Amino acid sequence: MAAIGRLADVRLEKRRERMLTGMVMTGSSVVKTFSATRAGEAGAHRFLDHAEVTPEAILANAAERTLAAARGRTVLLVQDTTEINFSGADRGRSGLGPAGDGKALGFFIHPLLAVDLDEEAVIGIAHAQLWTRDGAARCGRKRRKFEDKESRRWLDATQAGNAFAGVAAEVISVSDREGDIYQHFARRPEGVAMVVRARHDRKLAAGGQLFAAAATFGAGFVRHVHVPPRGPGDAGRKAKVRVRYGRIPIARPVEADRERDPASLELGLVQVEEIDAPDRVKPLLWRIVTTLPVDTPHEIDRIVRIYRLRWRIEQLFRTMKTHGLKLEETQLETAHRLFNLSALALVAAARIIMLVDARDGSRRPASDVIAPELIEAVAAISASLEGKTPRQQNHHLKGSLAWLAWTVARLGGWNCYYKPPGPKTMAFGWPRLAAMLDGMQIAGYR
């Protein structure tokens, strides 16, 4: 997306916040479902149609909140791409090009998800790009300039993360193998470090290849690491791994710009290779390339932990799509409305994960998740749910995320969007809380 910008009309700002609150409370991206009333539904459609409403403007407030939450923290900016594919349901859609399969209509979303390293908790959306392809044949891709390639989105996102450099204590961009692009490393902002899983067996400036370099680093050390879950129902597993590390000079590839990109880059390489893997389980093998120091086992443990937290963006996608808001089931047809709804769904999915994270205690404000004008109404509901015993009382700070999470849990129990570490179904408590607020006719919610 382009630079952050606010909606010009305060009424649009309020409508956006009402819609986000409704999406979080109902766990749905269906306009009729999250709007609560017919008036709310009509207002939501007007908002999505409005010429001044864009994904950039929708995400502006979310990015500002995320920036505030990042102050003084070590922040991971995790990025990846997901596609919204309308296969079998693309009739009537307009303004869209082909999805990843080249057949059905669809579009793509590339968000930058902010994660607090110390707490391993999501703190919000920092940036996002939404686009659709023009339908032209994607030939000659390797001959095009980097600036003209779709893959430049990785560098664009990392450069957008530079806004956090003067606010957070440390900013680290985290990418999977698609982000392994020479220009991505060469042109990164100075204030943003990088941790990227290697995809290419690159040539080294001193001779040899990247994938073989770890064998020259010595025996390394042995650790047990948590392998992230593959999806719902998978709790992940512990893997015994051998970790080797060192520094490598990567040579500039032939497709890079000789004038803009240096002839070589000195980077760190951390290889995490599973030993004694269980039967019928593919052994884990991570080759992580980084700009961070790789001099001590403590630094290496930290880098492995950073890369492991990349799985949080997979949670974001599942919460936004299949196991949460079900964005791909929307009936909206035009690209303008679809992009606006998707920007809302992206922010709502992050808020849902933030709320679930808060079950174990968080002093972050509940206004990270719901509209501020709902706090007092939720306080009244929360007080009515308290029992006489200490265990039946909400001991969390009023107005905090943990306080809100307790209220939702008391209303319906935590059959929630995901039972860590994988997403599940919607929380029972959210629809009940939404219905109670609707019944109270809270200004700014109805």
Protein backbone atom coordinates (compact mmCIF):
# COMPACT_ATOMS: atom_id res chain seq x y z
CA MET A 1 0.00 0.00 0.00
CA ALA A 2 0.88 3.61 -0.22
CA ALA A 3 1.82 5.80 2.70
CA ILE A 4 -0.41 5.98 5.74
CA GLY A 5 -3.26 8.49 5.51
CA ARG A 6 -6.40 9.15 7.52
CA LEU A 7 -9.98 9.31 6.35
CA ALA A 8 -10.93 12.94 5.88
CA ASP A 9 -14.43 12.65 7.37
CA VAL A 10 -14.66 11.87 11.10
CA ARG A 11 -17.94 10.04 10.41
CA LEU A 12 -16.07 7.62 8.17
CA GLU A 13 -13.48 7.12 10.92
CA LYS A 14 -16.25 6.22 13.38
CA ARG A 15 -17.93 3.90 10.90
CA ARG A 16 -14.67 2.08 10.26
CA GLU A 17 -14.19 1.50 13.98
CA ARG A 18 -17.76 0.23 14.40
CA MET A 19 -17.27 -2.19 11.54
CA LEU A 20 -13.97 -3.46 12.95
CA THR A 21 -15.55 -3.96 16.38
CA GLY A 22 -18.44 -5.84 14.80
CA MET A 23 -16.10 -8.12 12.84
CA VAL A 24 -14.10 -8.95 15.96
CA MET A 25 -17.22 -9.55 18.07
CA THR A 26 -19.01 -11.78 15.58
CA GLY A 27 -16.02 -13.45 13.95
CA SER A 28 -17.46 -12.77 10.52
CA SER A 29 -16.62 -10.67 7.47
CA VAL A 30 -20.23 -10.93 6.22
CA VAL A 31 -21.64 -7.39 6.27
CA LYS A 32 -25.11 -8.46 7.40
CA THR A 33 -23.66 -10.48 10.27
CA PHE A 34 -21.20 -8.01 11.75
CA SER A 35 -23.43 -4.93 11.30
CA ALA A 36 -25.99 -6.04 13.96
CA THR A 37 -28.83 -3.87 12.58
CA ARG A 38 -30.28 -2.96 9.19
CA ALA A 39 -29.15 0.62 9.69
CA GLY A 40 -25.66 -0.62 10.48
CA GLU A 41 -25.69 -2.83 7.39
CA ALA A 42 -26.70 0.08 5.15
CA GLY A 43 -24.01 2.25 6.72
CA ALA A 44 -21.39 -0.45 6.17
CA HIS A 45 -22.26 -0.74 2.47
CA ARG A 46 -22.08 3.05 2.06
CA PHE A 47 -18.68 3.01 3.75
CA LEU A 48 -17.30 0.26 1.49
CA ASP A 49 -18.62 2.09 -1.61
CA HIS A 50 -17.37 5.55 -0.62
CA ALA A 51 -14.88 7.01 -3.10
CA GLU A 52 -12.66 8.37 -0.31
CA VAL A 53 -12.47 5.03 1.49
CA THR A 54 -9.35 3.09 0.45
CA PRO A 55 -7.34 0.27 2.01
CA GLU A 56 -4.60 2.81 2.81
CA ALA A 57 -7.00 5.00 4.77
CA ILE A 58 -8.61 2.03 6.54
CA LEU A 59 -5.23 0.81 7.74
CA ALA A 60 -3.98 4.24 8.80
CA ASN A 61 -5.40 4.15 12.31
CA ALA A 62 -4.32 0.54 12.80
CA ALA A 63 -0.74 1.39 11.79
CA GLU A 64 -0.68 4.34 14.18
CA ARG A 65 -1.88 2.13 17.05
CA THR A 66 0.74 -0.46 16.21
CA LEU A 67 3.45 2.18 16.16
CA ALA A 68 2.37 3.39 19.61
CA ALA A 69 2.36 -0.19 20.95
CA ALA A 70 5.89 -0.71 19.61
CA ARG A 71 7.46 2.12 21.59
CA GLY A 72 10.55 0.94 23.40
CA ARG A 73 10.00 -2.71 22.41
CA THR A 74 11.93 -5.17 20.27
CA VAL A 75 9.54 -5.55 17.35
CA LEU A 76 9.48 -8.26 14.72
CA LEU A 77 7.84 -7.18 11.46
CA VAL A 78 6.76 -10.48 9.94
CA GLN A 79 5.75 -10.43 6.28
CA ASP A 80 4.26 -12.93 3.86
CA THR A 81 1.73 -13.13 1.01
CA THR A 82 -1.69 -14.74 0.94
CA GLU A 83 -4.13 -14.94 -1.95
CA ILE A 84 -7.88 -14.52 -1.93
CA ASN A 85 -9.12 -17.00 -4.55
CA PHE A 86 -12.75 -16.98 -5.67
CA SER A 87 -12.58 -20.30 -7.52
CA GLY A 88 -16.12 -21.49 -8.18
CA ALA A 89 -17.55 -18.19 -6.94
CA ASP A 90 -16.07 -15.60 -9.28
CA ARG A 91 -19.12 -15.00 -11.47
CA GLY A 92 -20.17 -11.37 -11.24
CA ARG A 93 -16.86 -10.22 -9.75
CA SER A 94 -15.40 -7.16 -11.44
CA GLY A 95 -12.07 -5.37 -11.43
CA LEU A 96 -10.10 -8.51 -10.54
CA GLY A 97 -7.40 -10.38 -12.41
CA PRO A 98 -6.32 -14.01 -12.14
CA ALA A 99 -5.41 -15.54 -8.79
CA GLY A 100 -2.38 -17.76 -8.26
CA ASP A 101 -3.77 -20.61 -10.33
CA GLY A 102 -4.06 -18.30 -13.36
CA LYS A 103 -7.71 -19.26 -13.83
CA ALA A 104 -10.07 -18.11 -11.08
CA LEU A 105 -10.40 -14.43 -10.23
CA GLY A 106 -8.73 -13.20 -7.07
CA PHE A 107 -6.21 -10.87 -5.51
CA PHE A 108 -3.27 -10.84 -3.10
CA ILE A 109 -2.51 -9.40 0.34
CA HIS A 110 1.00 -8.87 1.70
CA PRO A 111 0.84 -7.62 5.32
CA LEU A 112 3.49 -6.60 7.79
CA LEU A 113 2.49 -8.05 11.17
CA ALA A 114 4.12 -6.58 14.27
CA VAL A 115 5.08 -9.02 17.05
CA ASP A 116 6.62 -8.12 20.41
CA LEU A 117 9.68 -10.39 20.73
CA ASP A 118 9.80 -10.38 24.54
CA GLU A 119 6.15 -11.38 24.97
CA GLU A 120 5.87 -13.21 21.61
CA ALA A 121 2.53 -11.40 21.26
CA VAL A 122 0.94 -9.75 18.23
CA ILE A 123 0.65 -5.97 18.63
CA GLY A 124 -0.99 -5.06 15.32
CA ILE A 125 -0.74 -4.47 11.58
CA ALA A 126 2.11 -2.17 10.54
CA HIS A 127 1.63 -2.07 6.75
CA ALA A 128 -0.02 -4.00 3.92
CA GLN A 129 -0.14 -4.17 0.14
CA LEU A 130 -3.23 -5.35 -1.77
CA TRP A 131 -3.18 -5.91 -5.53
CA THR A 132 -4.64 -7.88 -8.37
CA ARG A 133 -2.88 -9.00 -11.54
CA ASP A 134 -3.73 -7.49 -14.90
CA GLY A 135 -4.21 -10.82 -16.64
CA ALA A 136 -1.31 -10.39 -19.05
CA ALA A 137 0.99 -13.38 -19.50
CA ARG A 138 3.78 -13.29 -16.90
CA CYS A 139 6.60 -14.08 -19.32
CA GLY A 140 10.10 -12.69 -19.25
CA ARG A 141 9.92 -12.31 -15.48
CA LYS A 142 13.66 -12.89 -14.99
CA ARG A 143 14.52 -10.26 -17.58
CA ARG A 144 12.48 -7.49 -15.94
CA LYS A 145 14.06 -4.93 -13.65
CA PHE A 146 13.61 -5.55 -9.95
CA GLU A 147 11.52 -2.37 -9.67
CA ASP A 148 9.02 -3.83 -12.15
CA LYS A 149 8.67 -7.21 -10.47
CA GLU A 150 5.89 -8.27 -8.13
CA SER A 151 8.58 -9.57 -5.77
CA ARG A 152 9.67 -6.06 -4.89
CA ARG A 153 6.82 -6.15 -2.35
CA TRP A 154 9.27 -7.73 0.11
CA LEU A 155 11.59 -4.73 -0.03
CA ASP A 156 8.67 -2.30 0.01
CA ALA A 157 7.37 -3.85 3.24
CA THR A 158 10.80 -3.80 4.89
CA GLN A 159 11.26 -0.17 3.90
CA ALA A 160 7.82 0.63 5.36
CA GLY A 161 9.08 -0.88 8.61
CA ASN A 162 11.63 1.90 8.83
CA ALA A 163 8.86 4.05 10.38
CA PHE A 164 9.36 1.97 13.54
CA ALA A 165 13.11 2.53 13.69
CA GLY A 166 12.91 5.74 15.71
CA VAL A 167 10.20 4.41 18.03
CA ALA A 168 10.97 0.76 18.85
CA ALA A 169 14.14 -0.30 20.66
CA GLU A 170 14.94 -2.67 17.79
CA VAL A 171 13.21 -3.49 14.50
CA ILE A 172 13.70 -6.83 12.73
CA SER A 173 12.07 -7.79 9.43
CA VAL A 174 11.27 -11.53 9.26
CA SER A 175 10.57 -13.35 5.98
CA ASP A 176 10.24 -16.88 4.69
CA ARG A 177 12.03 -18.16 1.59
CA GLU A 178 10.25 -15.89 -0.92
CA GLY A 179 11.92 -12.93 0.79
CA ASP A 180 15.38 -14.29 -0.05
CA ILE A 181 16.18 -11.63 -2.64
CA TYR A 182 19.60 -10.00 -2.98
CA GLN A 183 18.14 -6.52 -3.44
CA HIS A 184 16.05 -7.06 -0.31
CA PHE A 185 19.24 -7.29 1.75
CA ALA A 186 21.22 -4.74 -0.24
CA ARG A 187 18.61 -1.96 -0.11
CA ARG A 188 17.13 -2.48 3.37
CA PRO A 189 16.89 0.61 5.61
CA GLU A 190 19.79 0.92 8.02
CA GLY A 191 17.44 0.90 11.01
CA VAL A 192 15.82 -2.43 10.12
CA ALA A 193 17.65 -5.74 10.66
CA MET A 194 16.67 -8.84 8.68
CA VAL A 195 16.08 -12.54 9.36
CA VAL A 196 15.22 -14.51 6.21
CA ARG A 197 15.08 -18.22 5.48
CA ALA A 198 17.38 -18.97 2.54
CA ARG A 199 15.79 -20.17 -0.68
CA HIS A 200 18.69 -19.91 -3.13
CA ASP A 201 21.98 -21.78 -2.98
CA ARG A 202 23.89 -18.60 -3.71
CA LYS A 203 27.47 -18.23 -4.86
CA LEU A 204 29.86 -16.94 -2.25
CA ALA A 205 32.32 -14.18 -3.06
CA ALA A 206 35.18 -16.29 -1.69
CA GLY A 207 34.13 -19.33 -3.72
CA GLY A 208 31.76 -22.16 -2.95
CA GLN A 209 28.00 -22.21 -2.35
CA LEU A 210 25.82 -21.08 0.53
CA PHE A 211 24.21 -24.47 1.30
CA ALA A 212 27.61 -26.11 1.79
CA ALA A 213 29.03 -23.31 3.92
CA ALA A 214 27.64 -24.57 7.24
CA ALA A 215 29.82 -27.68 7.01
CA THR A 216 32.86 -25.40 7.46
CA PHE A 217 31.53 -23.85 10.69
CA GLY A 218 32.47 -26.73 12.97
CA ALA A 219 30.30 -28.96 15.16
CA GLY A 220 28.09 -26.17 16.50
CA PHE A 221 25.80 -27.12 19.38
CA VAL A 222 22.63 -29.14 20.01
CA ARG A 223 19.28 -27.61 21.01
CA HIS A 224 15.62 -28.57 21.24
CA VAL A 225 13.33 -26.22 19.29
CA HIS A 226 9.57 -26.00 18.99
CA VAL A 227 8.40 -26.68 15.43
CA PRO A 228 5.35 -24.49 14.68
CA PRO A 229 2.04 -26.25 13.93
CA ARG A 230 1.10 -26.97 10.34
CA GLY A 231 -2.55 -26.06 10.89
CA PRO A 232 -5.65 -26.58 13.05
CA GLY A 233 -5.40 -29.57 15.33
CA ASP A 234 -1.61 -29.69 15.10
CA ALA A 235 0.11 -28.73 18.36
CA GLY A 236 3.54 -28.64 16.78
CA ARG A 237 6.39 -30.72 18.14
CA LYS A 238 9.80 -30.55 19.74
CA ALA A 239 12.77 -31.25 17.49
CA LYS A 240 16.34 -32.05 18.48
CA VAL A 241 18.58 -30.03 16.19
CA ARG A 242 22.22 -29.28 15.54
CA VAL A 243 22.90 -25.58 15.07
CA ARG A 244 25.90 -24.28 13.13
CA TYR A 245 26.65 -20.63 12.48
CA GLY A 246 29.13 -18.25 10.90
CA ARG A 247 29.54 -15.35 8.51
CA ILE A 248 29.47 -15.62 4.73
CA PRO A 249 30.18 -13.19 1.84
CA ILE A 250 27.32 -13.56 -0.67
CA ALA A 251 28.23 -12.61 -4.24
CA ARG A 252 26.00 -10.28 -6.24
CA PRO A 253 23.83 -12.31 -8.68
CA VAL A 254 23.89 -11.45 -12.38
CA GLU A 255 20.33 -10.05 -12.34
CA ALA A 256 21.15 -7.45 -9.66
CA ASP A 257 21.88 -3.82 -10.54
CA ARG A 258 25.65 -3.30 -10.76
CA GLU A 259 25.29 0.41 -10.07
CA ARG A 260 22.91 0.20 -7.10
CA ASP A 261 23.77 -3.13 -5.46
CA PRO A 262 27.20 -3.94 -3.95
CA ALA A 263 29.37 -6.69 -5.41
CA SER A 264 28.98 -8.74 -2.22
CA LEU A 265 27.23 -8.69 1.14
CA GLU A 266 28.65 -9.96 4.42
CA LEU A 267 25.79 -11.76 6.18
CA GLY A 268 25.31 -14.29 8.94
CA LEU A 269 24.21 -17.87 8.24
CA VAL A 270 22.52 -20.05 10.86
CA GLN A 271 21.77 -23.66 9.90
CA VAL A 272 19.29 -25.57 12.06
CA GLU A 273 19.26 -29.26 11.10
CA GLU A 274 17.17 -31.90 12.86
CA ILE A 275 18.84 -35.05 14.14
CA ASP A 276 17.06 -38.27 15.18
CA ALA A 277 13.79 -37.19 13.53
CA PRO A 278 10.73 -39.41 14.18
CA ASP A 279 9.73 -42.01 11.57
CA ARG A 280 7.77 -40.66 8.60
CA VAL A 281 8.54 -37.07 9.61
CA LYS A 282 10.51 -34.86 7.25
CA PRO A 283 13.56 -33.63 9.21
CA LEU A 284 13.60 -29.93 9.92
CA LEU A 285 16.20 -27.91 8.00
CA TRP A 286 16.32 -24.15 8.32
CA ARG A 287 19.06 -22.09 6.69
CA ILE A 288 18.59 -18.61 8.07
CA VAL A 289 20.40 -15.63 6.55
CA THR A 290 20.56 -12.53 8.74
CA THR A 291 22.08 -9.10 9.25
CA LEU A 292 22.13 -9.66 13.03
CA PRO A 293 25.35 -10.61 14.88
CA VAL A 294 26.18 -14.34 14.78
CA ASP A 295 29.08 -14.51 17.20
CA THR A 296 27.78 -16.33 20.28
CA PRO A 297 25.36 -19.20 21.05
CA HIS A 298 23.12 -16.71 22.86
CA GLU A 299 22.79 -14.60 19.70
CA ILE A 300 22.11 -17.72 17.64
CA ASP A 301 19.38 -18.92 20.03
CA ARG A 302 17.75 -15.52 19.67
CA ILE A 303 17.84 -15.65 15.86
CA VAL A 304 16.26 -19.11 15.83
CA ARG A 305 13.55 -17.88 18.20
CA ILE A 306 12.92 -14.87 15.94
CA TYR A 307 12.50 -17.04 12.86
CA ARG A 308 10.26 -19.46 14.77
CA LEU A 309 7.84 -16.60 15.47
CA ARG A 310 7.21 -16.24 11.74
CA TRP A 311 4.36 -18.74 12.27
CA ARG A 312 2.26 -15.94 13.80
CA ILE A 313 1.53 -14.59 10.33
CA GLU A 314 0.14 -18.01 9.38
CA GLN A 315 -2.26 -17.60 12.32
CA LEU A 316 -3.23 -14.21 10.92
CA PHE A 317 -4.08 -15.69 7.52
CA ARG A 318 -6.08 -18.58 8.98
CA THR A 319 -8.01 -16.23 11.27
CA MET A 320 -8.77 -13.94 8.34
CA LYS A 321 -9.78 -16.76 6.03
CA THR A 322 -10.71 -20.40 6.53
CA HIS A 323 -10.90 -20.73 10.31
CA GLY A 324 -12.13 -17.28 11.26
CA LEU A 325 -13.61 -14.42 9.27
CA LYS A 326 -13.97 -16.51 6.07
CA LEU A 327 -13.09 -13.61 3.79
CA GLU A 328 -13.19 -15.77 0.66
CA GLU A 329 -16.89 -16.41 1.23
CA THR A 330 -17.85 -12.74 0.92
CA GLN A 331 -20.55 -11.90 -1.63
CA LEU A 332 -19.12 -8.48 -2.46
CA GLU A 333 -18.29 -8.22 -6.15
CA THR A 334 -16.34 -5.08 -7.07
CA ALA A 335 -12.60 -4.74 -6.48
CA HIS A 336 -13.03 -1.43 -4.63
CA ARG A 337 -15.40 -2.93 -2.06
CA LEU A 338 -13.46 -6.19 -1.80
CA PHE A 339 -10.18 -4.42 -1.12
CA ASN A 340 -11.77 -2.21 1.52
CA LEU A 341 -13.41 -5.19 3.24
CA SER A 342 -10.11 -7.12 3.12
CA ALA A 343 -8.23 -4.27 4.80
CA LEU A 344 -10.83 -4.31 7.58
CA ALA A 345 -10.60 -8.10 7.87
CA LEU A 346 -6.82 -7.94 8.14
CA VAL A 347 -6.98 -5.54 11.08
CA ALA A 348 -9.85 -7.48 12.70
CA ALA A 349 -7.92 -10.77 12.44
CA ALA A 350 -4.92 -9.22 14.20
CA ARG A 351 -7.19 -7.88 16.95
CA ILE A 352 -8.74 -11.32 17.43
CA ILE A 353 -5.29 -12.85 17.93
CA MET A 354 -4.35 -10.03 20.31
CA LEU A 355 -7.43 -10.75 22.41
CA VAL A 356 -6.68 -14.46 22.61
CA ASP A 357 -3.05 -13.69 23.51
CA ALA A 358 -4.37 -11.56 26.38
CA ARG A 359 -5.98 -14.51 28.17
CA ASP A 360 -2.75 -15.07 30.06
CA GLY A 361 -2.57 -11.43 31.14
CA SER A 362 -1.92 -8.20 29.25
CA ARG A 363 -1.95 -4.55 30.28
CA ARG A 364 -2.48 -3.44 26.70
CA PRO A 365 -5.74 -1.41 26.49
CA ALA A 366 -8.97 -3.10 25.42
CA SER A 367 -9.34 -0.25 22.91
CA ASP A 368 -6.72 -2.11 20.84
CA VAL A 369 -9.58 -4.49 20.03
CA ILE A 370 -12.92 -2.72 20.56
CA ALA A 371 -14.12 0.85 20.14
CA PRO A 372 -13.24 3.03 23.18
CA GLU A 373 -16.88 4.09 23.65
CA LEU A 374 -17.78 0.47 24.48
CA ILE A 375 -15.47 0.21 27.51
CA GLU A 376 -17.98 1.40 30.11
CA ALA A 377 -20.72 -0.81 28.68
CA VAL A 378 -18.43 -3.83 28.81
CA ALA A 379 -17.51 -2.84 32.39
CA ALA A 380 -21.17 -3.03 33.38
CA ILE A 381 -21.51 -6.44 31.74
CA SER A 382 -18.29 -7.66 33.32
CA ALA A 383 -19.43 -6.63 36.80
CA SER A 384 -22.70 -8.52 36.34
CA LEU A 385 -20.76 -11.70 35.53
CA GLU A 386 -18.65 -11.68 38.68
CA GLY A 387 -19.37 -14.17 41.46
CA LYS A 388 -18.73 -14.03 45.19
CA THR A 389 -15.52 -16.03 45.31
CA PRO A 390 -12.13 -14.58 44.29
CA ARG A 391 -11.89 -17.03 41.38
CA GLN A 392 -15.18 -15.69 40.00
CA GLN A 393 -14.03 -12.07 39.91
CA ASN A 394 -12.25 -10.14 37.19
CA HIS A 395 -8.98 -9.14 38.82
CA HIS A 396 -7.48 -7.69 35.65
CA LEU A 397 -7.08 -3.94 35.28
CA LYS A 398 -10.30 -2.39 34.01
CA GLY A 399 -9.98 -1.43 30.36
CA SER A 400 -7.10 -3.82 29.65
CA LEU A 401 -7.11 -6.54 27.03
CA ALA A 402 -6.86 -9.20 29.75
CA TRP A 403 -9.93 -7.68 31.46
CA LEU A 404 -11.87 -7.87 28.20
CA ALA A 405 -10.69 -11.43 27.56
CA TRP A 406 -11.97 -12.48 31.01
CA THR A 407 -15.41 -11.03 30.19
CA VAL A 408 -15.62 -12.91 26.91
CA ALA A 409 -14.49 -16.12 28.60
CA ARG A 410 -17.20 -15.80 31.28
CA LEU A 411 -19.85 -15.31 28.63
CA GLY A 412 -19.08 -18.41 26.65
CA GLY A 413 -15.87 -20.17 27.49
CA TRP A 414 -12.79 -20.30 25.34
CA ASN A 415 -13.80 -22.36 22.37
CA CYS A 416 -12.00 -19.57 20.61
CA TYR A 417 -10.54 -18.67 17.25
CA TYR A 418 -7.60 -20.85 18.06
CA LYS A 419 -6.41 -22.84 21.00
CA PRO A 420 -2.72 -22.09 20.92
CA PRO A 421 -0.94 -22.75 18.74
CA GLY A 422 -3.55 -23.39 16.00
CA PRO A 423 -6.79 -21.57 15.04
CA LYS A 424 -10.16 -23.16 15.69
CA THR A 425 -13.71 -21.86 15.56
CA MET A 426 -15.21 -18.60 16.77
CA ALA A 427 -15.44 -17.90 20.49
CA PHE A 428 -18.88 -18.49 21.95
CA GLY A 429 -18.49 -15.39 24.10
CA TRP A 430 -18.18 -12.83 21.31
CA PRO A 431 -21.68 -13.19 19.82
CA ARG A 432 -23.21 -13.05 23.29
CA LEU A 433 -21.27 -9.90 24.18
CA ALA A 434 -22.21 -8.34 20.83
CA ALA A 435 -25.90 -9.13 21.43
CA MET A 436 -25.78 -7.65 24.94
CA LEU A 437 -24.17 -4.45 23.68
CA ASP A 438 -26.71 -4.26 20.88
CA GLY A 439 -29.52 -4.64 23.40
CA MET A 440 -28.09 -1.79 25.48
CA GLN A 441 -28.23 0.42 22.35
CA ILE A 442 -24.73 1.76 22.92
CA ALA A 443 -24.05 4.94 20.98
CA GLY A 444 -21.41 4.25 18.35
CA TYR A 445 -22.14 0.53 18.22
CA ARG A 446 -25.66 0.33 16.83
